[in-house]
């Protein structure tokens, strides 16, 4: 079905005359008639009663007319909105970020950039899409964001292949195994506890980037952990760890205050702490001018 068939249909419905409708559509009557017939074939029913002059709509035609009008109206509206969105996107910076970095790193990082790259590129808006690593990857792959802020590790691959995406290391972070303290201030659950299955683990689900890192680095280590709670959100695991439900690997950037006041305590020595990067990913393909200018100021 072609959109101009809908315009042909509405022109004929308004005037009831093939010749005048064809003239209004700047085509010959035979060509116009063929397009009306093609539309009727597509709908699967006659739309006009040709036995009288002027021609009138059949029952099927009367039902189809508001559908045709609404379809054309919505398409015109959508085209205008898409053009407006494209114009706005060209003057905006859109970041996808994992939940943990959205709460901790991103606000301070953005504040530090306010007198530098961001103000100089003068975006119309800064947009933040806060979700899991998996959702952030999808946003970047589908072009719904220009940048992805996430944790990364050299030993752990993600969906952003090097032939299509590049990244900049912004900072360093640690994934620290932590637990609520006991009455003596020692970890309630520790990686030094005897018994292979003795440690309740507050684990990340598969869509979590930090979960991928922990999963990749843990197989070389003992003891085995017993998952007792699973979530993609570091903030949820943080709350469960504070509540004494188990041990979790949490980013130091998220739990610094908890460690400082003793709400959480390290549950393993330095060998159990996983050093990670905080990275900003972008496509290799050229972005909108404001995004390119922002990247150049970050890397220049």
C-alpha atoms as a PDB file:
ATOM      1  CA  UNK A   1       0.000   0.000   0.000  1.00  0.00           C
ATOM      2  CA  UNK A   2       1.293   3.467  -0.935  1.00  0.00           C
ATOM      3  CA  UNK A   3       0.464   6.559   1.079  1.00  0.00           C
ATOM      4  CA  UNK A   4      -0.607   8.510  -1.995  1.00  0.00           C
ATOM      5  CA  UNK A   5      -3.397   5.977  -2.485  1.00  0.00           C
ATOM      6  CA  UNK A   6      -4.960   7.332   0.725  1.00  0.00           C
ATOM      7  CA  UNK A   7      -4.826  10.869  -0.633  1.00  0.00           C
ATOM      8  CA  UNK A   8      -6.392   9.638  -3.892  1.00  0.00           C
ATOM      9  CA  UNK A   9      -9.158   7.937  -1.924  1.00  0.00           C
ATOM     10  CA  UNK A  10      -9.968  11.049   0.095  1.00  0.00           C
ATOM     11  CA  UNK A  11      -9.961  13.252  -3.035  1.00  0.00           C
ATOM     12  CA  UNK A  12     -12.517  10.990  -4.729  1.00  0.00           C
ATOM     13  CA  UNK A  13     -14.594  10.655  -1.557  1.00  0.00           C
ATOM     14  CA  UNK A  14     -14.790  14.455  -1.289  1.00  0.00           C
ATOM     15  CA  UNK A  15     -15.880  15.131  -4.890  1.00  0.00           C
ATOM     16  CA  UNK A  16     -17.502  11.914  -6.059  1.00  0.00           C
ATOM     17  CA  UNK A  17     -16.121  12.358  -9.590  1.00  0.00           C
ATOM     18  CA  UNK A  18     -13.186  10.415 -11.045  1.00  0.00           C
ATOM     19  CA  UNK A  19     -12.273  13.063 -13.623  1.00  0.00           C
ATOM     20  CA  UNK A  20     -12.186  16.005 -11.196  1.00  0.00           C
ATOM     21  CA  UNK A  21     -10.397  13.962  -8.522  1.00  0.00           C
ATOM     22  CA  UNK A  22      -7.753  12.903 -11.075  1.00  0.00           C
ATOM     23  CA  UNK A  23      -7.231  16.536 -12.085  1.00  0.00           C
ATOM     24  CA  UNK A  24      -6.814  17.570  -8.459  1.00  0.00           C
ATOM     25  CA  UNK A  25      -4.187  14.862  -8.080  1.00  0.00           C
ATOM     26  CA  UNK A  26      -2.376  15.934 -11.293  1.00  0.00           C
ATOM     27  CA  UNK A  27      -2.749  12.662 -13.155  1.00  0.00           C
ATOM     28  CA  UNK A  28      -4.820  11.134 -15.933  1.00  0.00           C
ATOM     29  CA  UNK A  29      -8.138   9.553 -15.084  1.00  0.00           C
ATOM     30  CA  UNK A  30      -7.036   6.018 -16.121  1.00  0.00           C
ATOM     31  CA  UNK A  31      -3.963   6.227 -13.873  1.00  0.00           C
ATOM     32  CA  UNK A  32      -6.084   7.578 -11.030  1.00  0.00           C
ATOM     33  CA  UNK A  33      -8.639   4.791 -11.471  1.00  0.00           C
ATOM     34  CA  UNK A  34      -5.896   2.157 -11.379  1.00  0.00           C
ATOM     35  CA  UNK A  35      -4.638   3.521  -8.055  1.00  0.00           C
ATOM     36  CA  UNK A  36      -8.131   3.518  -6.554  1.00  0.00           C
ATOM     37  CA  UNK A  37      -8.552  -0.090  -7.721  1.00  0.00           C
ATOM     38  CA  UNK A  38      -5.162  -0.998  -6.231  1.00  0.00           C
ATOM     39  CA  UNK A  39      -6.248   0.452  -2.882  1.00  0.00           C
ATOM     40  CA  UNK A  40      -9.483  -1.506  -2.994  1.00  0.00           C
ATOM     41  CA  UNK A  41      -7.533  -4.672  -3.761  1.00  0.00           C
ATOM     42  CA  UNK A  42      -5.289  -3.967  -0.786  1.00  0.00           C
ATOM     43  CA  UNK A  43      -8.257  -3.313   1.540  1.00  0.00           C
ATOM     44  CA  UNK A  44     -10.037  -6.361   0.164  1.00  0.00           C
ATOM     45  CA  UNK A  45     -13.381  -4.656  -0.485  1.00  0.00           C
ATOM     46  CA  UNK A  46     -14.952  -2.102  -2.897  1.00  0.00           C
ATOM     47  CA  UNK A  47     -14.723   1.369  -1.385  1.00  0.00           C
ATOM     48  CA  UNK A  48     -16.910   3.218  -3.941  1.00  0.00           C
ATOM     49  CA  UNK A  49     -20.311   2.521  -5.447  1.00  0.00           C
ATOM     50  CA  UNK A  50     -19.746   3.318  -9.140  1.00  0.00           C
ATOM     51  CA  UNK A  51     -23.347   2.621 -10.188  1.00  0.00           C
ATOM     52  CA  UNK A  52     -24.434   6.198  -9.533  1.00  0.00           C
ATOM     53  CA  UNK A  53     -23.133   9.675 -10.226  1.00  0.00           C
ATOM     54  CA  UNK A  54     -21.566  11.105  -8.253  1.00  0.00           C
ATOM     55  CA  UNK A  55     -19.911   7.954  -6.949  1.00  0.00           C
ATOM     56  CA  UNK A  56     -20.547   7.301  -3.275  1.00  0.00           C
ATOM     57  CA  UNK A  57     -18.763   5.416  -0.552  1.00  0.00           C
ATOM     58  CA  UNK A  58     -19.764   1.857   0.165  1.00  0.00           C
ATOM     59  CA  UNK A  59     -20.179   0.670   3.750  1.00  0.00           C
ATOM     60  CA  UNK A  60     -16.554  -0.420   3.646  1.00  0.00           C
ATOM     61  CA  UNK A  61     -15.554   2.975   2.253  1.00  0.00           C
ATOM     62  CA  UNK A  62     -17.416   4.839   4.997  1.00  0.00           C
ATOM     63  CA  UNK A  63     -15.594   2.750   7.594  1.00  0.00           C
ATOM     64  CA  UNK A  64     -12.237   3.251   5.891  1.00  0.00           C
ATOM     65  CA  UNK A  65     -12.498   7.044   5.405  1.00  0.00           C
ATOM     66  CA  UNK A  66     -11.775   8.094   9.026  1.00  0.00           C
ATOM     67  CA  UNK A  67      -8.961   5.543   9.135  1.00  0.00           C
ATOM     68  CA  UNK A  68      -7.373   7.116   6.054  1.00  0.00           C
ATOM     69  CA  UNK A  69      -7.803  10.635   7.446  1.00  0.00           C
ATOM     70  CA  UNK A  70      -6.325   9.706  10.832  1.00  0.00           C
ATOM     71  CA  UNK A  71      -3.431   7.818   9.236  1.00  0.00           C
ATOM     72  CA  UNK A  72      -2.425  10.807   7.132  1.00  0.00           C
ATOM     73  CA  UNK A  73      -2.873  13.173  10.070  1.00  0.00           C
ATOM     74  CA  UNK A  74      -0.740  11.020  12.365  1.00  0.00           C
ATOM     75  CA  UNK A  75       1.958  10.608   9.741  1.00  0.00           C
ATOM     76  CA  UNK A  76       2.139  14.359   9.184  1.00  0.00           C
ATOM     77  CA  UNK A  77       2.272  14.919  12.935  1.00  0.00           C
ATOM     78  CA  UNK A  78       4.906  12.243  13.357  1.00  0.00           C
ATOM     79  CA  UNK A  79       7.023  13.713  10.606  1.00  0.00           C
ATOM     80  CA  UNK A  80       6.943  17.104  12.263  1.00  0.00           C
ATOM     81  CA  UNK A  81       7.738  15.656  15.678  1.00  0.00           C
ATOM     82  CA  UNK A  82      10.579  13.595  14.241  1.00  0.00           C
ATOM     83  CA  UNK A  83      12.052  16.674  12.586  1.00  0.00           C
ATOM     84  CA  UNK A  84      11.777  18.579  15.862  1.00  0.00           C
ATOM     85  CA  UNK A  85      13.354  15.695  17.770  1.00  0.00           C
ATOM     86  CA  UNK A  86      16.218  15.530  15.283  1.00  0.00           C
ATOM     87  CA  UNK A  87      16.832  19.236  15.651  1.00  0.00           C
ATOM     88  CA  UNK A  88      16.760  18.974  19.447  1.00  0.00           C
ATOM     89  CA  UNK A  89      18.976  15.874  19.424  1.00  0.00           C
ATOM     90  CA  UNK A  90      21.528  17.719  17.368  1.00  0.00           C
ATOM     91  CA  UNK A  91      21.858  20.259  20.179  1.00  0.00           C
ATOM     92  CA  UNK A  92      21.627  17.780  23.083  1.00  0.00           C
ATOM     93  CA  UNK A  93      23.994  15.410  24.855  1.00  0.00           C
ATOM     94  CA  UNK A  94      22.410  12.085  25.708  1.00  0.00           C
ATOM     95  CA  UNK A  95      24.111   9.750  28.169  1.00  0.00           C
ATOM     96  CA  UNK A  96      23.136   6.245  29.132  1.00  0.00           C
ATOM     97  CA  UNK A  97      24.607   5.278  32.499  1.00  0.00           C
ATOM     98  CA  UNK A  98      24.402   2.369  34.877  1.00  0.00           C
ATOM     99  CA  UNK A  99      22.328   2.941  38.009  1.00  0.00           C
ATOM    100  CA  UNK A 100      25.283   3.015  40.382  1.00  0.00           C
ATOM    101  CA  UNK A 101      27.240   5.595  38.363  1.00  0.00           C
ATOM    102  CA  UNK A 102      24.090   7.656  37.792  1.00  0.00           C
ATOM    103  CA  UNK A 103      23.776   8.071  41.559  1.00  0.00           C
ATOM    104  CA  UNK A 104      27.418   8.614  42.420  1.00  0.00           C
ATOM    105  CA  UNK A 105      29.937   9.425  39.710  1.00  0.00           C
ATOM    106  CA  UNK A 106      27.825  11.189  37.074  1.00  0.00           C
ATOM    107  CA  UNK A 107      26.577  14.186  39.134  1.00  0.00           C
ATOM    108  CA  UNK A 108      30.052  15.085  40.410  1.00  0.00           C
ATOM    109  CA  UNK A 109      31.658  14.492  37.017  1.00  0.00           C
ATOM    110  CA  UNK A 110      29.041  16.683  35.354  1.00  0.00           C
ATOM    111  CA  UNK A 111      29.565  19.416  37.924  1.00  0.00           C
ATOM    112  CA  UNK A 112      33.266  19.364  37.189  1.00  0.00           C
ATOM    113  CA  UNK A 113      32.591  19.770  33.479  1.00  0.00           C
ATOM    114  CA  UNK A 114      30.188  22.693  33.791  1.00  0.00           C
ATOM    115  CA  UNK A 115      32.973  25.205  33.293  1.00  0.00           C
ATOM    116  CA  UNK A 116      34.645  23.138  30.571  1.00  0.00           C
ATOM    117  CA  UNK A 117      33.483  20.861  27.753  1.00  0.00           C
ATOM    118  CA  UNK A 118      29.741  21.084  28.379  1.00  0.00           C
ATOM    119  CA  UNK A 119      29.434  24.851  28.671  1.00  0.00           C
ATOM    120  CA  UNK A 120      31.664  25.371  25.648  1.00  0.00           C
ATOM    121  CA  UNK A 121      29.538  23.119  23.417  1.00  0.00           C
ATOM    122  CA  UNK A 122      26.343  24.830  24.649  1.00  0.00           C
ATOM    123  CA  UNK A 123      23.891  21.894  24.351  1.00  0.00           C
ATOM    124  CA  UNK A 124      20.182  22.594  24.475  1.00  0.00           C
ATOM    125  CA  UNK A 125      19.813  19.863  27.128  1.00  0.00           C
ATOM    126  CA  UNK A 126      21.664  17.073  28.862  1.00  0.00           C
ATOM    127  CA  UNK A 127      19.711  13.829  28.974  1.00  0.00           C
ATOM    128  CA  UNK A 128      20.480  10.897  31.265  1.00  0.00           C
ATOM    129  CA  UNK A 129      19.088   7.395  30.712  1.00  0.00           C
ATOM    130  CA  UNK A 130      19.750   5.455  33.930  1.00  0.00           C
ATOM    131  CA  UNK A 131      19.430   1.693  33.618  1.00  0.00           C
ATOM    132  CA  UNK A 132      21.361  -1.582  33.646  1.00  0.00           C
ATOM    133  CA  UNK A 133      24.534  -2.172  31.634  1.00  0.00           C
ATOM    134  CA  UNK A 134      22.562  -4.321  29.214  1.00  0.00           C
ATOM    135  CA  UNK A 135      20.008  -1.559  28.632  1.00  0.00           C
ATOM    136  CA  UNK A 136      22.800   1.004  28.258  1.00  0.00           C
ATOM    137  CA  UNK A 137      24.522  -1.114  25.619  1.00  0.00           C
ATOM    138  CA  UNK A 138      21.233  -1.418  23.753  1.00  0.00           C
ATOM    139  CA  UNK A 139      20.658   2.351  23.915  1.00  0.00           C
ATOM    140  CA  UNK A 140      24.079   2.974  22.368  1.00  0.00           C
ATOM    141  CA  UNK A 141      23.696   0.221  19.759  1.00  0.00           C
ATOM    142  CA  UNK A 142      20.277   1.540  18.688  1.00  0.00           C
ATOM    143  CA  UNK A 143      21.384   5.178  18.600  1.00  0.00           C
ATOM    144  CA  UNK A 144      19.146   6.239  21.497  1.00  0.00           C
ATOM    145  CA  UNK A 145      22.154   7.668  23.347  1.00  0.00           C
ATOM    146  CA  UNK A 146      25.439   9.193  22.213  1.00  0.00           C
ATOM    147  CA  UNK A 147      27.489   8.002  25.183  1.00  0.00           C
ATOM    148  CA  UNK A 148      27.480   5.184  27.732  1.00  0.00           C
ATOM    149  CA  UNK A 149      28.961   5.623  31.207  1.00  0.00           C
ATOM    150  CA  UNK A 150      29.762   2.287  32.843  1.00  0.00           C
ATOM    151  CA  UNK A 151      32.285   0.170  34.714  1.00  0.00           C
ATOM    152  CA  UNK A 152      34.687  -1.929  32.669  1.00  0.00           C
ATOM    153  CA  UNK A 153      37.493  -4.434  33.061  1.00  0.00           C
ATOM    154  CA  UNK A 154      40.131  -5.531  30.565  1.00  0.00           C
ATOM    155  CA  UNK A 155      39.274  -9.199  31.079  1.00  0.00           C
ATOM    156  CA  UNK A 156      35.537  -8.804  30.542  1.00  0.00           C
ATOM    157  CA  UNK A 157      34.034  -8.237  27.096  1.00  0.00           C
ATOM    158  CA  UNK A 158      30.833  -6.342  26.391  1.00  0.00           C
ATOM    159  CA  UNK A 159      28.559  -5.933  23.378  1.00  0.00           C
ATOM    160  CA  UNK A 160      30.318  -2.770  22.165  1.00  0.00           C
ATOM    161  CA  UNK A 161      32.805  -4.149  19.663  1.00  0.00           C
ATOM    162  CA  UNK A 162      36.020  -2.209  19.090  1.00  0.00           C
ATOM    163  CA  UNK A 163      35.337  -1.885  15.362  1.00  0.00           C
ATOM    164  CA  UNK A 164      32.185   0.156  16.084  1.00  0.00           C
ATOM    165  CA  UNK A 165      32.830   1.820  19.452  1.00  0.00           C
ATOM    166  CA  UNK A 166      35.660   3.491  21.332  1.00  0.00           C
ATOM    167  CA  UNK A 167      35.949   4.393  24.996  1.00  0.00           C
ATOM    168  CA  UNK A 168      37.728   6.808  27.272  1.00  0.00           C
ATOM    169  CA  UNK A 169      38.841   5.874  30.795  1.00  0.00           C
ATOM    170  CA  UNK A 170      37.503   8.592  33.095  1.00  0.00           C
ATOM    171  CA  UNK A 171      38.474   7.234  36.505  1.00  0.00           C
ATOM    172  CA  UNK A 172      39.247   4.141  38.531  1.00  0.00           C
ATOM    173  CA  UNK A 173      36.994   2.320  40.963  1.00  0.00           C
ATOM    174  CA  UNK A 174      37.043  -0.901  43.012  1.00  0.00           C
ATOM    175  CA  UNK A 175      34.503  -3.645  43.523  1.00  0.00           C
ATOM    176  CA  UNK A 176      34.883  -4.373  47.224  1.00  0.00           C
ATOM    177  CA  UNK A 177      33.431  -7.439  48.987  1.00  0.00           C
ATOM    178  CA  UNK A 178      31.513  -6.064  51.962  1.00  0.00           C
ATOM    179  CA  UNK A 179      29.236  -7.231  54.727  1.00  0.00           C
ATOM    180  CA  UNK A 180      27.406  -5.720  57.652  1.00  0.00           C
ATOM    181  CA  UNK A 181      29.543  -5.791  60.802  1.00  0.00           C
ATOM    182  CA  UNK A 182      28.909  -7.991  63.806  1.00  0.00           C
ATOM    183  CA  UNK A 183      28.815  -6.587  67.338  1.00  0.00           C
ATOM    184  CA  UNK A 184      32.605  -6.591  67.454  1.00  0.00           C
ATOM    185  CA  UNK A 185      32.876  -4.635  64.191  1.00  0.00           C
ATOM    186  CA  UNK A 186      34.122  -7.633  62.214  1.00  0.00           C
ATOM    187  CA  UNK A 187      32.365  -8.678  58.977  1.00  0.00           C
ATOM    188  CA  UNK A 188      29.306 -10.787  59.706  1.00  0.00           C
ATOM    189  CA  UNK A 189      30.121 -12.756  56.552  1.00  0.00           C
ATOM    190  CA  UNK A 190      33.701 -13.153  55.418  1.00  0.00           C
ATOM    191  CA  UNK A 191      35.507 -14.755  52.512  1.00  0.00           C
ATOM    192  CA  UNK A 192      37.816 -16.281  55.119  1.00  0.00           C
ATOM    193  CA  UNK A 193      34.908 -18.228  56.639  1.00  0.00           C
ATOM    194  CA  UNK A 194      35.450 -21.997  56.625  1.00  0.00           C
ATOM    195  CA  UNK A 195      33.152 -24.167  54.552  1.00  0.00           C
ATOM    196  CA  UNK A 196      32.778 -23.922  50.786  1.00  0.00           C
ATOM    197  CA  UNK A 197      29.104 -23.076  50.852  1.00  0.00           C
ATOM    198  CA  UNK A 198      29.072 -21.018  54.023  1.00  0.00           C
ATOM    199  CA  UNK A 199      29.001 -17.513  52.520  1.00  0.00           C
ATOM    200  CA  UNK A 200      25.581 -16.092  51.505  1.00  0.00           C
ATOM    201  CA  UNK A 201      26.099 -14.066  48.346  1.00  0.00           C
ATOM    202  CA  UNK A 202      24.097 -10.991  47.322  1.00  0.00           C
ATOM    203  CA  UNK A 203      24.617 -11.377  43.583  1.00  0.00           C
ATOM    204  CA  UNK A 204      24.106  -9.314  40.454  1.00  0.00           C
ATOM    205  CA  UNK A 205      21.757 -10.550  37.740  1.00  0.00           C
ATOM    206  CA  UNK A 206      22.919 -11.182  34.184  1.00  0.00           C
ATOM    207  CA  UNK A 207      22.083  -7.711  32.830  1.00  0.00           C
ATOM    208  CA  UNK A 208      24.492  -6.055  35.273  1.00  0.00           C
ATOM    209  CA  UNK A 209      27.918  -5.027  34.016  1.00  0.00           C
ATOM    210  CA  UNK A 210      29.405  -5.355  37.481  1.00  0.00           C
ATOM    211  CA  UNK A 211      27.864  -8.807  37.685  1.00  0.00           C
ATOM    212  CA  UNK A 212      29.733  -9.794  34.522  1.00  0.00           C
ATOM    213  CA  UNK A 213      32.989  -8.605  36.071  1.00  0.00           C
ATOM    214  CA  UNK A 214      32.456 -10.449  39.345  1.00  0.00           C
ATOM    215  CA  UNK A 215      31.399 -13.620  37.528  1.00  0.00           C
ATOM    216  CA  UNK A 216      34.460 -13.485  35.270  1.00  0.00           C
ATOM    217  CA  UNK A 217      36.921 -13.002  38.126  1.00  0.00           C
ATOM    218  CA  UNK A 218      35.402 -15.304  40.741  1.00  0.00           C
ATOM    219  CA  UNK A 219      35.882 -18.757  39.116  1.00  0.00           C
ATOM    220  CA  UNK A 220      39.586 -18.608  39.902  1.00  0.00           C
ATOM    221  CA  UNK A 221      38.830 -18.103  43.576  1.00  0.00           C
ATOM    222  CA  UNK A 222      37.434 -19.963  46.572  1.00  0.00           C
ATOM    223  CA  UNK A 223      35.307 -20.452  48.592  1.00  0.00           C
ATOM    224  CA  UNK A 224      32.184 -21.098  46.559  1.00  0.00           C
ATOM    225  CA  UNK A 225      29.387 -18.643  47.287  1.00  0.00           C
ATOM    226  CA  UNK A 226      25.720 -19.394  47.849  1.00  0.00           C
ATOM    227  CA  UNK A 227      23.456 -16.850  46.099  1.00  0.00           C
ATOM    228  CA  UNK A 228      20.661 -15.819  48.464  1.00  0.00           C
ATOM    229  CA  UNK A 229      19.483 -12.667  46.659  1.00  0.00           C
ATOM    230  CA  UNK A 230      19.902 -11.489  43.053  1.00  0.00           C
ATOM    231  CA  UNK A 231      19.353  -8.005  41.587  1.00  0.00           C
ATOM    232  CA  UNK A 232      20.778  -5.902  38.733  1.00  0.00           C
ATOM    233  CA  UNK A 233      20.982  -2.873  41.038  1.00  0.00           C
ATOM    234  CA  UNK A 234      24.038  -2.228  43.189  1.00  0.00           C
ATOM    235  CA  UNK A 235      21.928   0.100  45.354  1.00  0.00           C
ATOM    236  CA  UNK A 236      19.549  -2.742  46.199  1.00  0.00           C
ATOM    237  CA  UNK A 237      22.426  -5.086  47.020  1.00  0.00           C
ATOM    238  CA  UNK A 238      23.908  -2.314  49.169  1.00  0.00           C
ATOM    239  CA  UNK A 239      20.681  -2.091  51.185  1.00  0.00           C
ATOM    240  CA  UNK A 240      20.530  -5.871  51.597  1.00  0.00           C
ATOM    241  CA  UNK A 241      24.162  -5.974  52.732  1.00  0.00           C
ATOM    242  CA  UNK A 242      23.506  -3.215  55.296  1.00  0.00           C
ATOM    243  CA  UNK A 243      20.608  -5.330  56.550  1.00  0.00           C
ATOM    244  CA  UNK A 244      22.947  -8.237  57.187  1.00  0.00           C
ATOM    245  CA  UNK A 245      21.562 -10.498  54.464  1.00  0.00           C
ATOM    246  CA  UNK A 246      24.902 -11.508  52.988  1.00  0.00           C
ATOM    247  CA  UNK A 247      28.083 -10.449  51.256  1.00  0.00           C
ATOM    248  CA  UNK A 248      28.184  -8.328  48.097  1.00  0.00           C
ATOM    249  CA  UNK A 249      30.802  -6.867  45.766  1.00  0.00           C
ATOM    250  CA  UNK A 250      29.930  -3.175  45.597  1.00  0.00           C
ATOM    251  CA  UNK A 251      31.692  -0.236  43.917  1.00  0.00           C
ATOM    252  CA  UNK A 252      33.736   1.849  46.323  1.00  0.00           C
ATOM    253  CA  UNK A 253      32.274   4.959  44.664  1.00  0.00           C
ATOM    254  CA  UNK A 254      28.854   3.861  45.956  1.00  0.00           C
ATOM    255  CA  UNK A 255      29.762   2.672  49.462  1.00  0.00           C
ATOM    256  CA  UNK A 256      32.512   5.107  50.507  1.00  0.00           C
ATOM    257  CA  UNK A 257      30.286   6.686  53.176  1.00  0.00           C
ATOM    258  CA  UNK A 258      29.196   3.271  54.469  1.00  0.00           C
ATOM    259  CA  UNK A 259      32.796   2.174  54.818  1.00  0.00           C
ATOM    260  CA  UNK A 260      33.770   5.412  56.534  1.00  0.00           C
ATOM    261  CA  UNK A 261      31.141   5.113  59.300  1.00  0.00           C
ATOM    262  CA  UNK A 262      31.232   1.325  59.552  1.00  0.00           C
ATOM    263  CA  UNK A 263      27.772   0.496  58.234  1.00  0.00           C
ATOM    264  CA  UNK A 264      29.606  -1.890  55.893  1.00  0.00           C
ATOM    265  CA  UNK A 265      33.030  -3.439  56.388  1.00  0.00           C
ATOM    266  CA  UNK A 266      35.382  -5.210  53.971  1.00  0.00           C
ATOM    267  CA  UNK A 267      34.733  -8.955  53.893  1.00  0.00           C
ATOM    268  CA  UNK A 268      38.023  -9.966  52.319  1.00  0.00           C
ATOM    269  CA  UNK A 269      41.595  -8.812  51.939  1.00  0.00           C
ATOM    270  CA  UNK A 270      43.073  -6.915  48.997  1.00  0.00           C
ATOM    271  CA  UNK A 271      43.203 -10.056  46.847  1.00  0.00           C
ATOM    272  CA  UNK A 272      39.398 -10.052  46.748  1.00  0.00           C
ATOM    273  CA  UNK A 273      39.082  -6.432  45.625  1.00  0.00           C
ATOM    274  CA  UNK A 274      38.610  -6.093  41.850  1.00  0.00           C
ATOM    275  CA  UNK A 275      40.025  -2.941  40.278  1.00  0.00           C
ATOM    276  CA  UNK A 276      37.779  -1.589  37.493  1.00  0.00           C
ATOM    277  CA  UNK A 277      37.638   1.380  35.162  1.00  0.00           C
ATOM    278  CA  UNK A 278      34.908   3.960  34.870  1.00  0.00           C
ATOM    279  CA  UNK A 279      34.541   4.335  31.111  1.00  0.00           C
ATOM    280  CA  UNK A 280      32.723   6.543  28.649  1.00  0.00           C
ATOM    281  CA  UNK A 281      31.826   4.781  25.391  1.00  0.00           C
ATOM    282  CA  UNK A 282      30.776   6.356  22.100  1.00  0.00           C
ATOM    283  CA  UNK A 283      30.278   5.151  18.516  1.00  0.00           C
ATOM    284  CA  UNK A 284      33.165   5.478  16.069  1.00  0.00           C
ATOM    285  CA  UNK A 285      30.675   6.941  13.596  1.00  0.00           C
ATOM    286  CA  UNK A 286      30.409  10.719  13.537  1.00  0.00           C
ATOM    287  CA  UNK A 287      27.990  12.151  16.090  1.00  0.00           C
ATOM    288  CA  UNK A 288      26.060  15.426  16.070  1.00  0.00           C
ATOM    289  CA  UNK A 289      28.349  18.500  16.149  1.00  0.00           C
ATOM    290  CA  UNK A 290      27.648  19.276  19.811  1.00  0.00           C
ATOM    291  CA  UNK A 291      28.544  15.699  20.810  1.00  0.00           C
ATOM    292  CA  UNK A 292      31.688  15.700  18.680  1.00  0.00           C
ATOM    293  CA  UNK A 293      32.786  19.001  20.193  1.00  0.00           C
ATOM    294  CA  UNK A 294      32.164  17.616  23.681  1.00  0.00           C
ATOM    295  CA  UNK A 295      34.250  14.493  22.940  1.00  0.00           C
ATOM    296  CA  UNK A 296      37.076  16.521  21.455  1.00  0.00           C
ATOM    297  CA  UNK A 297      37.270  18.674  24.570  1.00  0.00           C
ATOM    298  CA  UNK A 298      37.319  15.565  26.758  1.00  0.00           C
ATOM    299  CA  UNK A 299      40.131  13.972  24.770  1.00  0.00           C
ATOM    300  CA  UNK A 300      42.022  17.068  23.667  1.00  0.00           C
END
